[in-house]
């Protein structure tokens, strides 16, 4: 089975396709922006990477969402709820944790079928 790396760098690839699945790296928005702005940018980037892998958000299997402050849960969900494919919602978990820098407020990781 082949492995295809999308936008590989020295540390990581933005996505890896193996078999019938695509694994995305954790996506973050522009540092210092609001939770709404970061979530919107992240979801647009997920759409872009999924398209490069030959799939769409309707085929997302799982999503992990990390917030640097769980008090931002409703703000993030307001954006997520407008984006997610309501006919095909993924399994999802949301947790709170410090992210790579205090400027990042949201990080989202998805796995999708191709």
Protein backbone atom coordinates (compact mmCIF):
# COMPACT_ATOMS: atom_id res chain seq x y z
CA UNK A 1 0.00 0.00 0.00
CA UNK A 2 1.38 3.40 -0.92
CA UNK A 3 1.78 6.41 1.31
CA UNK A 4 1.26 9.89 -0.15
CA UNK A 5 2.43 12.90 1.84
CA UNK A 6 0.77 16.24 1.18
CA UNK A 7 2.84 19.36 1.79
CA UNK A 8 5.68 17.57 3.59
CA UNK A 9 8.15 19.60 5.62
CA UNK A 10 11.19 18.73 7.66
CA UNK A 11 9.12 18.18 10.82
CA UNK A 12 5.77 16.94 9.50
CA UNK A 13 3.42 16.68 6.56
CA UNK A 14 0.16 18.60 6.54
CA UNK A 15 -1.65 15.41 5.50
CA UNK A 16 -0.81 11.78 4.83
CA UNK A 17 -2.90 9.49 2.66
CA UNK A 18 -2.57 5.77 3.35
CA UNK A 19 -4.99 3.27 1.89
CA UNK A 20 -8.50 4.68 2.10
CA UNK A 21 -7.78 7.23 4.84
CA UNK A 22 -6.26 10.69 5.09
CA UNK A 23 -4.73 11.89 8.34
CA UNK A 24 -4.39 15.65 8.78
CA UNK A 25 -1.85 17.32 11.01
CA UNK A 26 -3.25 19.57 13.70
CA UNK A 27 -4.44 22.77 12.06
CA UNK A 28 -4.23 26.15 13.76
CA UNK A 29 -5.35 29.63 12.73
CA UNK A 30 -3.42 32.88 12.60
CA UNK A 31 -1.81 33.67 15.96
CA UNK A 32 -3.50 36.31 18.05
CA UNK A 33 -6.89 36.15 16.31
CA UNK A 34 -10.19 35.41 18.05
CA UNK A 35 -11.51 31.89 18.54
CA UNK A 36 -14.10 32.56 15.82
CA UNK A 37 -11.46 33.78 13.36
CA UNK A 38 -9.06 30.94 14.14
CA UNK A 39 -11.78 28.27 13.89
CA UNK A 40 -13.01 29.70 10.58
CA UNK A 41 -9.48 29.68 9.13
CA UNK A 42 -8.79 26.17 10.44
CA UNK A 43 -11.94 24.73 8.87
CA UNK A 44 -11.12 26.39 5.53
CA UNK A 45 -7.65 24.84 5.67
CA UNK A 46 -9.15 21.43 6.48
CA UNK A 47 -11.41 21.75 3.42
CA UNK A 48 -8.37 22.67 1.29
CA UNK A 49 -6.26 19.73 2.52
CA UNK A 50 -9.12 17.27 2.17
CA UNK A 51 -9.61 18.42 -1.44
CA UNK A 52 -5.91 17.84 -2.13
CA UNK A 53 -6.36 14.32 -0.74
CA UNK A 54 -9.40 13.74 -2.97
CA UNK A 55 -12.11 13.86 -0.32
CA UNK A 56 -14.48 16.24 1.47
CA UNK A 57 -15.74 17.11 4.95
CA UNK A 58 -18.66 14.70 4.40
CA UNK A 59 -16.16 11.86 4.77
CA UNK A 60 -14.51 12.99 8.02
CA UNK A 61 -14.46 10.03 10.40
CA UNK A 62 -13.08 11.65 13.55
CA UNK A 63 -12.22 15.13 14.76
CA UNK A 64 -10.17 16.12 17.79
CA UNK A 65 -10.54 19.72 18.86
CA UNK A 66 -8.20 21.32 21.37
CA UNK A 67 -9.00 24.65 23.02
CA UNK A 68 -6.54 26.54 25.16
CA UNK A 69 -9.52 27.60 27.30
CA UNK A 70 -12.68 25.50 27.58
CA UNK A 71 -14.65 28.70 28.20
CA UNK A 72 -14.34 29.18 24.41
CA UNK A 73 -16.29 25.97 23.71
CA UNK A 74 -19.53 27.72 22.67
CA UNK A 75 -17.71 30.24 20.44
CA UNK A 76 -15.84 27.45 18.63
CA UNK A 77 -19.03 25.37 18.32
CA UNK A 78 -20.89 28.30 16.73
CA UNK A 79 -18.42 28.14 13.82
CA UNK A 80 -18.19 24.32 13.76
CA UNK A 81 -21.98 23.92 13.68
CA UNK A 82 -22.22 26.11 10.58
CA UNK A 83 -19.48 24.14 8.82
CA UNK A 84 -19.95 20.47 9.70
CA UNK A 85 -21.85 18.26 7.24
CA UNK A 86 -25.04 17.73 9.21
CA UNK A 87 -25.92 14.57 7.27
CA UNK A 88 -22.48 13.07 8.01
CA UNK A 89 -21.13 14.38 11.33
CA UNK A 90 -17.89 12.76 12.50
CA UNK A 91 -17.15 11.25 15.87
CA UNK A 92 -15.66 14.15 17.81
CA UNK A 93 -13.84 14.94 21.02
CA UNK A 94 -13.02 18.36 22.44
CA UNK A 95 -10.49 18.95 25.19
CA UNK A 96 -8.70 21.77 26.86
CA UNK A 97 -4.91 21.99 26.86
CA UNK A 98 -2.17 24.57 26.47
CA UNK A 99 -1.32 24.81 22.77
CA UNK A 100 2.10 25.43 21.17
CA UNK A 101 1.98 29.15 22.00
CA UNK A 102 -0.56 31.29 23.88
CA UNK A 103 -1.40 32.93 20.51
CA UNK A 104 -3.06 29.71 19.33
CA UNK A 105 -6.50 29.25 20.83
CA UNK A 106 -7.84 26.33 18.75
CA UNK A 107 -6.28 23.28 17.08
CA UNK A 108 -8.24 20.72 15.08
CA UNK A 109 -7.09 17.30 13.89
CA UNK A 110 -9.18 15.14 11.54
CA UNK A 111 -9.06 11.72 9.92
CA UNK A 112 -11.21 11.19 6.84
CA UNK A 113 -12.06 8.45 4.36
CA UNK A 114 -10.82 9.02 0.82
